[in-house]
Amino acid sequence: MIAREVKRKKMVEKYLDRRNKLRSVSLDNKLSLEDRMAARRELFELPKNSAPTRVRNRCTITGRPRGYMRFFGLSRIAFRELALNGHLPGIRKGSL
């Protein structure tokens, strides 16, 4: 699953500029309907995994998709282990 997510992230980066240009053309009301529909058709022909919404945030250590902390890039479980072992500077238990 981790390798699949890495592959998706690379594909999103590869097609990001092209996808944004086609999206802006397809939403521009100043252009003709034919031009907008052609842009929309090209957008549909791009790979599905090139869409940014397909990327799932995962823990960098375990690959766990749930309980993800975006600031650290870790799941709650990996974050807790690293914090208790003192590997995250400035982080300590709230009850101490």
PDB file of N, CA and C in Angstrom:
ATOM      1  N   MET A   1       0.825  -1.199   0.000  1.00  0.00           N
ATOM      2  CA  MET A   1       0.000   0.000   0.000  1.00  0.00           C
ATOM      3  C   MET A   1       0.869   1.263   0.000  1.00  0.00           C
ATOM      4  N   ILE A   2       1.990   1.196   0.717  1.00  0.00           N
ATOM      5  CA  ILE A   2       2.873   2.358   0.766  1.00  0.00           C
ATOM      6  C   ILE A   2       3.452   2.644  -0.614  1.00  0.00           C
ATOM      7  N   ALA A   3       3.866   1.598  -1.301  1.00  0.00           N
ATOM      8  CA  ALA A   3       4.428   1.759  -2.645  1.00  0.00           C
ATOM      9  C   ALA A   3       3.378   2.314  -3.601  1.00  0.00           C
ATOM     10  N   ARG A   4       2.150   1.900  -3.455  1.00  0.00           N
ATOM     11  CA  ARG A   4       1.071   2.387  -4.299  1.00  0.00           C
ATOM     12  C   ARG A   4       0.841   3.884  -4.077  1.00  0.00           C
ATOM     13  N   GLU A   5       0.915   4.309  -2.813  1.00  0.00           N
ATOM     14  CA  GLU A   5       0.740   5.725  -2.502  1.00  0.00           C
ATOM     15  C   GLU A   5       1.893   6.560  -3.048  1.00  0.00           C
ATOM     16  N   VAL A   6       3.107   6.030  -2.985  1.00  0.00           N
ATOM     17  CA  VAL A   6       4.262   6.743  -3.543  1.00  0.00           C
ATOM     18  C   VAL A   6       4.083   6.910  -5.048  1.00  0.00           C
ATOM     19  N   LYS A   7       3.604   5.866  -5.693  1.00  0.00           N
ATOM     20  CA  LYS A   7       3.355   5.910  -7.136  1.00  0.00           C
ATOM     21  C   LYS A   7       2.297   6.962  -7.462  1.00  0.00           C
ATOM     22  N   ARG A   8       1.247   7.037  -6.654  1.00  0.00           N
ATOM     23  CA  ARG A   8       0.190   8.032  -6.873  1.00  0.00           C
ATOM     24  C   ARG A   8       0.726   9.445  -6.691  1.00  0.00           C
ATOM     25  N   LYS A   9       1.559   9.652  -5.657  1.00  0.00           N
ATOM     26  CA  LYS A   9       2.112  10.988  -5.425  1.00  0.00           C
ATOM     27  C   LYS A   9       2.972  11.445  -6.595  1.00  0.00           C
ATOM     28  N   LYS A  10       3.763  10.532  -7.156  1.00  0.00           N
ATOM     29  CA  LYS A  10       4.589  10.880  -8.312  1.00  0.00           C
ATOM     30  C   LYS A  10       3.719  11.235  -9.508  1.00  0.00           C
ATOM     31  N   MET A  11       2.633  10.484  -9.703  1.00  0.00           N
ATOM     32  CA  MET A  11       1.752  10.737 -10.829  1.00  0.00           C
ATOM     33  C   MET A  11       1.019  12.064 -10.665  1.00  0.00           C
ATOM     34  N   VAL A  12       0.629  12.402  -9.442  1.00  0.00           N
ATOM     35  CA  VAL A  12      -0.032  13.680  -9.186  1.00  0.00           C
ATOM     36  C   VAL A  12       0.919  14.824  -9.521  1.00  0.00           C
ATOM     37  N   GLU A  13       2.179  14.716  -9.102  1.00  0.00           N
ATOM     38  CA  GLU A  13       3.160  15.756  -9.402  1.00  0.00           C
ATOM     39  C   GLU A  13       3.394  15.890 -10.903  1.00  0.00           C
ATOM     40  N   LYS A  14       3.406  14.768 -11.593  1.00  0.00           N
ATOM     41  CA  LYS A  14       3.677  14.766 -13.033  1.00  0.00           C
ATOM     42  C   LYS A  14       2.585  15.494 -13.810  1.00  0.00           C
ATOM     43  N   TYR A  15       1.330  15.272 -13.455  1.00  0.00           N
ATOM     44  CA  TYR A  15       0.206  15.804 -14.212  1.00  0.00           C
ATOM     45  C   TYR A  15      -0.424  17.055 -13.595  1.00  0.00           C
ATOM     46  N   LEU A  16       0.148  17.604 -12.539  1.00  0.00           N
ATOM     47  CA  LEU A  16      -0.482  18.703 -11.809  1.00  0.00           C
ATOM     48  C   LEU A  16      -0.675  19.948 -12.678  1.00  0.00           C
ATOM     49  N   ASP A  17       0.367  20.383 -13.390  1.00  0.00           N
ATOM     50  CA  ASP A  17       0.245  21.590 -14.215  1.00  0.00           C
ATOM     51  C   ASP A  17      -0.779  21.401 -15.334  1.00  0.00           C
ATOM     52  N   ARG A  18      -0.690  20.271 -15.999  1.00  0.00           N
ATOM     53  CA  ARG A  18      -1.611  19.993 -17.104  1.00  0.00           C
ATOM     54  C   ARG A  18      -3.054  19.929 -16.608  1.00  0.00           C
ATOM     55  N   ARG A  19      -3.265  19.281 -15.473  1.00  0.00           N
ATOM     56  CA  ARG A  19      -4.599  19.155 -14.896  1.00  0.00           C
ATOM     57  C   ARG A  19      -5.160  20.530 -14.506  1.00  0.00           C
ATOM     58  N   ASN A  20      -4.318  21.382 -13.910  1.00  0.00           N
ATOM     59  CA  ASN A  20      -4.778  22.715 -13.510  1.00  0.00           C
ATOM     60  C   ASN A  20      -5.138  23.580 -14.713  1.00  0.00           C
ATOM     61  N   LYS A  21      -4.347  23.500 -15.783  1.00  0.00           N
ATOM     62  CA  LYS A  21      -4.650  24.280 -16.986  1.00  0.00           C
ATOM     63  C   LYS A  21      -5.970  23.833 -17.617  1.00  0.00           C
ATOM     64  N   LEU A  22      -6.141  22.528 -17.728  1.00  0.00           N
ATOM     65  CA  LEU A  22      -7.385  22.014 -18.318  1.00  0.00           C
ATOM     66  C   LEU A  22      -8.589  22.367 -17.451  1.00  0.00           C
ATOM     67  N   ARG A  23      -8.411  22.320 -16.154  1.00  0.00           N
ATOM     68  CA  ARG A  23      -9.506  22.642 -15.237  1.00  0.00           C
ATOM     69  C   ARG A  23      -9.902  24.111 -15.366  1.00  0.00           C
ATOM     70  N   SER A  24      -8.903  24.996 -15.442  1.00  0.00           N
ATOM     71  CA  SER A  24      -9.222  26.420 -15.567  1.00  0.00           C
ATOM     72  C   SER A  24      -9.905  26.719 -16.899  1.00  0.00           C
ATOM     73  N   VAL A  25      -9.486  26.037 -17.964  1.00  0.00           N
ATOM     74  CA  VAL A  25     -10.133  26.231 -19.275  1.00  0.00           C
ATOM     75  C   VAL A  25     -11.570  25.718 -19.231  1.00  0.00           C
ATOM     76  N   SER A  26     -11.785  24.587 -18.599  1.00  0.00           N
ATOM     77  CA  SER A  26     -13.132  24.007 -18.580  1.00  0.00           C
ATOM     78  C   SER A  26     -14.108  24.823 -17.732  1.00  0.00           C
ATOM     79  N   LEU A  27     -13.587  25.624 -16.805  1.00  0.00           N
ATOM     80  CA  LEU A  27     -14.466  26.428 -15.951  1.00  0.00           C
ATOM     81  C   LEU A  27     -14.597  27.876 -16.411  1.00  0.00           C
ATOM     82  N   ASP A  28     -13.870  28.266 -17.453  1.00  0.00           N
ATOM     83  CA  ASP A  28     -13.885  29.643 -17.947  1.00  0.00           C
ATOM     84  C   ASP A  28     -15.129  29.877 -18.795  1.00  0.00           C
ATOM     85  N   ASN A  29     -16.047  30.702 -18.311  1.00  0.00           N
ATOM     86  CA  ASN A  29     -17.299  30.960 -19.022  1.00  0.00           C
ATOM     87  C   ASN A  29     -17.123  31.877 -20.228  1.00  0.00           C
ATOM     88  N   LYS A  30     -15.969  32.517 -20.347  1.00  0.00           N
ATOM     89  CA  LYS A  30     -15.725  33.412 -21.474  1.00  0.00           C
ATOM     90  C   LYS A  30     -15.431  32.630 -22.757  1.00  0.00           C
ATOM     91  N   LEU A  31     -15.012  31.377 -22.620  1.00  0.00           N
ATOM     92  CA  LEU A  31     -14.712  30.541 -23.782  1.00  0.00           C
ATOM     93  C   LEU A  31     -15.976  29.894 -24.321  1.00  0.00           C
ATOM     94  N   SER A  32     -15.889  29.392 -25.540  1.00  0.00           N
ATOM     95  CA  SER A  32     -17.052  28.746 -26.141  1.00  0.00           C
ATOM     96  C   SER A  32     -17.302  27.384 -25.481  1.00  0.00           C
ATOM     97  N   LEU A  33     -18.489  26.901 -25.644  1.00  0.00           N
ATOM     98  CA  LEU A  33     -18.876  25.623 -25.056  1.00  0.00           C
ATOM     99  C   LEU A  33     -18.050  24.479 -25.626  1.00  0.00           C
ATOM    100  N   GLU A  34     -17.728  24.543 -26.916  1.00  0.00           N
ATOM    101  CA  GLU A  34     -16.941  23.490 -27.557  1.00  0.00           C
ATOM    102  C   GLU A  34     -15.533  23.409 -26.963  1.00  0.00           C
ATOM    103  N   ASP A  35     -14.932  24.582 -26.734  1.00  0.00           N
ATOM    104  CA  ASP A  35     -13.587  24.606 -26.147  1.00  0.00           C
ATOM    105  C   ASP A  35     -13.596  24.040 -24.727  1.00  0.00           C
ATOM    106  N   ARG A  36     -14.622  24.431 -23.971  1.00  0.00           N
ATOM    107  CA  ARG A  36     -14.712  23.934 -22.593  1.00  0.00           C
ATOM    108  C   ARG A  36     -14.958  22.432 -22.558  1.00  0.00           C
ATOM    109  N   MET A  37     -15.787  21.935 -23.451  1.00  0.00           N
ATOM    110  CA  MET A  37     -16.066  20.499 -23.491  1.00  0.00           C
ATOM    111  C   MET A  37     -14.837  19.717 -23.959  1.00  0.00           C
ATOM    112  N   ALA A  38     -14.054  20.279 -24.872  1.00  0.00           N
ATOM    113  CA  ALA A  38     -12.823  19.627 -25.314  1.00  0.00           C
ATOM    114  C   ALA A  38     -11.819  19.536 -24.161  1.00  0.00           C
ATOM    115  N   ALA A  39     -11.729  20.599 -23.382  1.00  0.00           N
ATOM    116  CA  ALA A  39     -10.835  20.583 -22.214  1.00  0.00           C
ATOM    117  C   ALA A  39     -11.315  19.555 -21.197  1.00  0.00           C
ATOM    118  N   ARG A  40     -12.614  19.471 -21.017  1.00  0.00           N
ATOM    119  CA  ARG A  40     -13.174  18.502 -20.063  1.00  0.00           C
ATOM    120  C   ARG A  40     -12.900  17.074 -20.540  1.00  0.00           C
ATOM    121  N   ARG A  41     -13.002  16.839 -21.858  1.00  0.00           N
ATOM    122  CA  ARG A  41     -12.714  15.522 -22.410  1.00  0.00           C
ATOM    123  C   ARG A  41     -11.258  15.135 -22.186  1.00  0.00           C
ATOM    124  N   GLU A  42     -10.346  16.087 -22.406  1.00  0.00           N
ATOM    125  CA  GLU A  42      -8.924  15.827 -22.153  1.00  0.00           C
ATOM    126  C   GLU A  42      -8.670  15.538 -20.688  1.00  0.00           C
ATOM    127  N   LEU A  43      -9.389  16.243 -19.831  1.00  0.00           N
ATOM    128  CA  LEU A  43      -9.246  16.030 -18.388  1.00  0.00           C
ATOM    129  C   LEU A  43      -9.690  14.623 -18.009  1.00  0.00           C
ATOM    130  N   PHE A  44     -10.754  14.142 -18.626  1.00  0.00           N
ATOM    131  CA  PHE A  44     -11.239  12.789 -18.335  1.00  0.00           C
ATOM    132  C   PHE A  44     -10.292  11.718 -18.850  1.00  0.00           C
ATOM    133  N   GLU A  45      -9.494  12.045 -19.872  1.00  0.00           N
ATOM    134  CA  GLU A  45      -8.569  11.066 -20.439  1.00  0.00           C
ATOM    135  C   GLU A  45      -7.284  10.918 -19.619  1.00  0.00           C
ATOM    136  N   LEU A  46      -7.043  11.827 -18.681  1.00  0.00           N
ATOM    137  CA  LEU A  46      -5.865  11.703 -17.819  1.00  0.00           C
ATOM    138  C   LEU A  46      -6.047  10.494 -16.902  1.00  0.00           C
ATOM    139  N   PRO A  47      -4.958   9.908 -16.424  1.00  0.00           N
ATOM    140  CA  PRO A  47      -5.079   8.755 -15.526  1.00  0.00           C
ATOM    141  C   PRO A  47      -5.824   9.116 -14.232  1.00  0.00           C
ATOM    142  N   LYS A  48      -6.593   8.172 -13.731  1.00  0.00           N
ATOM    143  CA  LYS A  48      -7.355   8.421 -12.511  1.00  0.00           C
ATOM    144  C   LYS A  48      -6.445   8.726 -11.322  1.00  0.00           C
ATOM    145  N   ASN A  49      -5.310   8.033 -11.252  1.00  0.00           N
ATOM    146  CA  ASN A  49      -4.411   8.222 -10.123  1.00  0.00           C
ATOM    147  C   ASN A  49      -3.647   9.536 -10.181  1.00  0.00           C
ATOM    148  N   SER A  50      -3.861  10.341 -11.225  1.00  0.00           N
ATOM    149  CA  SER A  50      -3.210  11.640 -11.285  1.00  0.00           C
ATOM    150  C   SER A  50      -4.034  12.714 -10.578  1.00  0.00           C
ATOM    151  N   ALA A  51      -5.198  12.348 -10.077  1.00  0.00           N
ATOM    152  CA  ALA A  51      -6.034  13.296  -9.347  1.00  0.00           C
ATOM    153  C   ALA A  51      -5.534  13.417  -7.904  1.00  0.00           C
ATOM    154  N   PRO A  52      -5.399  14.639  -7.393  1.00  0.00           N
ATOM    155  CA  PRO A  52      -4.883  14.819  -6.024  1.00  0.00           C
ATOM    156  C   PRO A  52      -5.765  14.196  -4.948  1.00  0.00           C
ATOM    157  N   THR A  53      -7.053  14.020  -5.225  1.00  0.00           N
ATOM    158  CA  THR A  53      -7.939  13.452  -4.218  1.00  0.00           C
ATOM    159  C   THR A  53      -7.710  11.961  -4.012  1.00  0.00           C
ATOM    160  N   ARG A  54      -6.977  11.322  -4.912  1.00  0.00           N
ATOM    161  CA  ARG A  54      -6.717   9.882  -4.781  1.00  0.00           C
ATOM    162  C   ARG A  54      -5.601   9.581  -3.788  1.00  0.00           C
ATOM    163  N   VAL A  55      -4.811  10.593  -3.437  1.00  0.00           N
ATOM    164  CA  VAL A  55      -3.688  10.390  -2.521  1.00  0.00           C
ATOM    165  C   VAL A  55      -4.219  10.324  -1.100  1.00  0.00           C
ATOM    166  N   ARG A  56      -3.766   9.342  -0.357  1.00  0.00           N
ATOM    167  CA  ARG A  56      -4.196   9.144   1.028  1.00  0.00           C
ATOM    168  C   ARG A  56      -3.000   9.409   1.936  1.00  0.00           C
ATOM    169  N   ASN A  57      -3.205  10.180   3.001  1.00  0.00           N
ATOM    170  CA  ASN A  57      -2.123  10.427   3.949  1.00  0.00           C
ATOM    171  C   ASN A  57      -1.849   9.157   4.739  1.00  0.00           C
ATOM    172  N   ARG A  58      -0.577   8.775   4.803  1.00  0.00           N
ATOM    173  CA  ARG A  58      -0.185   7.575   5.523  1.00  0.00           C
ATOM    174  C   ARG A  58       1.016   7.864   6.401  1.00  0.00           C
ATOM    175  N   CYS A  59       1.132   7.106   7.481  1.00  0.00           N
ATOM    176  CA  CYS A  59       2.276   7.206   8.383  1.00  0.00           C
ATOM    177  C   CYS A  59       3.549   6.832   7.621  1.00  0.00           C
ATOM    178  N   THR A  60       4.610   7.610   7.818  1.00  0.00           N
ATOM    179  CA  THR A  60       5.856   7.334   7.098  1.00  0.00           C
ATOM    180  C   THR A  60       6.569   6.110   7.644  1.00  0.00           C
ATOM    181  N   ILE A  61       6.268   5.715   8.857  1.00  0.00           N
ATOM    182  CA  ILE A  61       6.932   4.556   9.463  1.00  0.00           C
ATOM    183  C   ILE A  61       6.146   3.276   9.228  1.00  0.00           C
ATOM    184  N   THR A  62       4.862   3.294   9.577  1.00  0.00           N
ATOM    185  CA  THR A  62       4.066   2.074   9.530  1.00  0.00           C
ATOM    186  C   THR A  62       3.172   1.962   8.312  1.00  0.00           C
ATOM    187  N   GLY A  63       2.839   3.088   7.676  1.00  0.00           N
ATOM    188  CA  GLY A  63       1.929   3.065   6.538  1.00  0.00           C
ATOM    189  C   GLY A  63       0.475   3.080   6.950  1.00  0.00           C
ATOM    190  N   ARG A  64       0.211   3.287   8.215  1.00  0.00           N
ATOM    191  CA  ARG A  64      -1.159   3.296   8.727  1.00  0.00           C
ATOM    192  C   ARG A  64      -1.911   4.529   8.214  1.00  0.00           C
ATOM    193  N   PRO A  65      -3.116   4.342   7.639  1.00  0.00           N
ATOM    194  CA  PRO A  65      -3.847   5.473   7.073  1.00  0.00           C
ATOM    195  C   PRO A  65      -4.712   6.223   8.078  1.00  0.00           C
ATOM    196  N   ARG A  66      -5.010   5.613   9.199  1.00  0.00           N
ATOM    197  CA  ARG A  66      -5.906   6.246  10.168  1.00  0.00           C
ATOM    198  C   ARG A  66      -5.109   6.833  11.324  1.00  0.00           C
ATOM    199  N   GLY A  67      -5.660   7.845  11.958  1.00  0.00           N
ATOM    200  CA  GLY A  67      -4.989   8.477  13.082  1.00  0.00           C
ATOM    201  C   GLY A  67      -3.722   9.192  12.644  1.00  0.00           C
ATOM    202  N   TYR A  68      -3.765   9.810  11.472  1.00  0.00           N
ATOM    203  CA  TYR A  68      -2.595  10.452  10.882  1.00  0.00           C
ATOM    204  C   TYR A  68      -2.459  11.879  11.407  1.00  0.00           C
ATOM    205  N   MET A  69      -1.258  12.237  11.853  1.00  0.00           N
ATOM    206  CA  MET A  69      -0.973  13.596  12.304  1.00  0.00           C
ATOM    207  C   MET A  69      -0.158  14.285  11.213  1.00  0.00           C
ATOM    208  N   ARG A  70      -0.785  15.221  10.532  1.00  0.00           N
ATOM    209  CA  ARG A  70      -0.201  15.841   9.360  1.00  0.00           C
ATOM    210  C   ARG A  70       1.099  16.581   9.654  1.00  0.00           C
ATOM    211  N   PHE A  71       1.179  17.265  10.791  1.00  0.00           N
ATOM    212  CA  PHE A  71       2.371  18.053  11.125  1.00  0.00           C
ATOM    213  C   PHE A  71       3.612  17.171  11.233  1.00  0.00           C
ATOM    214  N   PHE A  72       3.456  15.971  11.771  1.00  0.00           N
ATOM    215  CA  PHE A  72       4.590  15.071  11.962  1.00  0.00           C
ATOM    216  C   PHE A  72       4.713  14.024  10.865  1.00  0.00           C
ATOM    217  N   GLY A  73       3.634  13.755  10.138  1.00  0.00           N
ATOM    218  CA  GLY A  73       3.661  12.729   9.111  1.00  0.00           C
ATOM    219  C   GLY A  73       3.638  11.330   9.704  1.00  0.00           C
ATOM    220  N   LEU A  74       3.080  11.209  10.908  1.00  0.00           N
ATOM    221  CA  LEU A  74       3.061   9.932  11.632  1.00  0.00           C
ATOM    222  C   LEU A  74       1.645   9.595  12.066  1.00  0.00           C
ATOM    223  N   SER A  75       1.410   8.318  12.317  1.00  0.00           N
ATOM    224  CA  SER A  75       0.147   7.915  12.911  1.00  0.00           C
ATOM    225  C   SER A  75       0.234   8.170  14.414  1.00  0.00           C
ATOM    226  N   ARG A  76      -0.898   8.132  15.070  1.00  0.00           N
ATOM    227  CA  ARG A  76      -0.926   8.408  16.505  1.00  0.00           C
ATOM    228  C   ARG A  76      -0.101   7.407  17.292  1.00  0.00           C
ATOM    229  N   ILE A  77      -0.061   6.161  16.828  1.00  0.00           N
ATOM    230  CA  ILE A  77       0.663   5.110  17.540  1.00  0.00           C
ATOM    231  C   ILE A  77       2.169   5.314  17.411  1.00  0.00           C
ATOM    232  N   ALA A  78       2.637   5.566  16.195  1.00  0.00           N
ATOM    233  CA  ALA A  78       4.065   5.807  15.976  1.00  0.00           C
ATOM    234  C   ALA A  78       4.499   7.095  16.670  1.00  0.00           C
ATOM    235  N   PHE A  79       3.628   8.111  16.653  1.00  0.00           N
ATOM    236  CA  PHE A  79       3.937   9.369  17.329  1.00  0.00           C
ATOM    237  C   PHE A  79       4.123   9.147  18.820  1.00  0.00           C
ATOM    238  N   ARG A  80       3.241   8.374  19.417  1.00  0.00           N
ATOM    239  CA  ARG A  80       3.306   8.126  20.865  1.00  0.00           C
ATOM    240  C   ARG A  80       4.582   7.384  21.231  1.00  0.00           C
ATOM    241  N   GLU A  81       4.927   6.371  20.445  1.00  0.00           N
ATOM    242  CA  GLU A  81       6.159   5.609  20.722  1.00  0.00           C
ATOM    243  C   GLU A  81       7.393   6.500  20.639  1.00  0.00           C
ATOM    244  N   LEU A  82       7.483   7.291  19.581  1.00  0.00           N
ATOM    245  CA  LEU A  82       8.651   8.161  19.415  1.00  0.00           C
ATOM    246  C   LEU A  82       8.708   9.231  20.500  1.00  0.00           C
ATOM    247  N   ALA A  83       7.547   9.764  20.883  1.00  0.00           N
ATOM    248  CA  ALA A  83       7.524  10.801  21.919  1.00  0.00           C
ATOM    249  C   ALA A  83       7.931  10.230  23.272  1.00  0.00           C
ATOM    250  N   LEU A  84       7.445   9.044  23.604  1.00  0.00           N
ATOM    251  CA  LEU A  84       7.781   8.456  24.900  1.00  0.00           C
ATOM    252  C   LEU A  84       9.243   8.045  24.983  1.00  0.00           C
ATOM    253  N   ASN A  85       9.832   7.697  23.845  1.00  0.00           N
ATOM    254  CA  ASN A  85      11.247   7.330  23.822  1.00  0.00           C
ATOM    255  C   ASN A  85      12.158   8.552  23.719  1.00  0.00           C
ATOM    256  N   GLY A  86      11.579   9.737  23.588  1.00  0.00           N
ATOM    257  CA  GLY A  86      12.358  10.960  23.537  1.00  0.00           C
ATOM    258  C   GLY A  86      12.970  11.263  22.185  1.00  0.00           C
ATOM    259  N   HIS A  87      12.417  10.691  21.106  1.00  0.00           N
ATOM    260  CA  HIS A  87      12.963  10.919  19.776  1.00  0.00           C
ATOM    261  C   HIS A  87      12.358  12.149  19.089  1.00  0.00           C
ATOM    262  N   LEU A  88      11.317  12.733  19.690  1.00  0.00           N
ATOM    263  CA  LEU A  88      10.721  13.951  19.142  1.00  0.00           C
ATOM    264  C   LEU A  88      11.036  15.099  20.106  1.00  0.00           C
ATOM    265  N   PRO A  89      11.942  15.976  19.747  1.00  0.00           N
ATOM    266  CA  PRO A  89      12.330  17.043  20.663  1.00  0.00           C
ATOM    267  C   PRO A  89      11.178  18.009  20.932  1.00  0.00           C
ATOM    268  N   GLY A  90      11.039  18.390  22.179  1.00  0.00           N
ATOM    269  CA  GLY A  90      10.003  19.339  22.575  1.00  0.00           C
ATOM    270  C   GLY A  90       8.657  18.716  22.857  1.00  0.00           C
ATOM    271  N   ILE A  91       8.540  17.415  22.702  1.00  0.00           N
ATOM    272  CA  ILE A  91       7.261  16.715  22.932  1.00  0.00           C
ATOM    273  C   ILE A  91       7.377  15.923  24.220  1.00  0.00           C
ATOM    274  N   ARG A  92       6.372  16.080  25.089  1.00  0.00           N
ATOM    275  CA  ARG A  92       6.344  15.285  26.306  1.00  0.00           C
ATOM    276  C   ARG A  92       4.893  15.029  26.681  1.00  0.00           C
ATOM    277  N   LYS A  93       4.701  14.080  27.565  1.00  0.00           N
ATOM    278  CA  LYS A  93       3.346  13.728  27.989  1.00  0.00           C
ATOM    279  C   LYS A  93       2.705  14.903  28.722  1.00  0.00           C
ATOM    280  N   GLY A  94       1.421  15.053  28.545  1.00  0.00           N
ATOM    281  CA  GLY A  94       0.710  16.155  29.183  1.00  0.00           C
ATOM    282  C   GLY A  94       0.565  15.989  30.684  1.00  0.00           C
ATOM    283  N   SER A  95       0.616  14.759  31.163  1.00  0.00           N
ATOM    284  CA  SER A  95       0.387  14.527  32.585  1.00  0.00           C
ATOM    285  C   SER A  95       1.664  14.635  33.405  1.00  0.00           C
ATOM    286  N   LEU A  96       2.790  14.822  32.738  1.00  0.00           N
ATOM    287  CA  LEU A  96       4.052  14.919  33.482  1.00  0.00           C
ATOM    288  C   LEU A  96       4.377  16.326  33.882  1.00  0.00           C
TER     289      LEU A  96
END
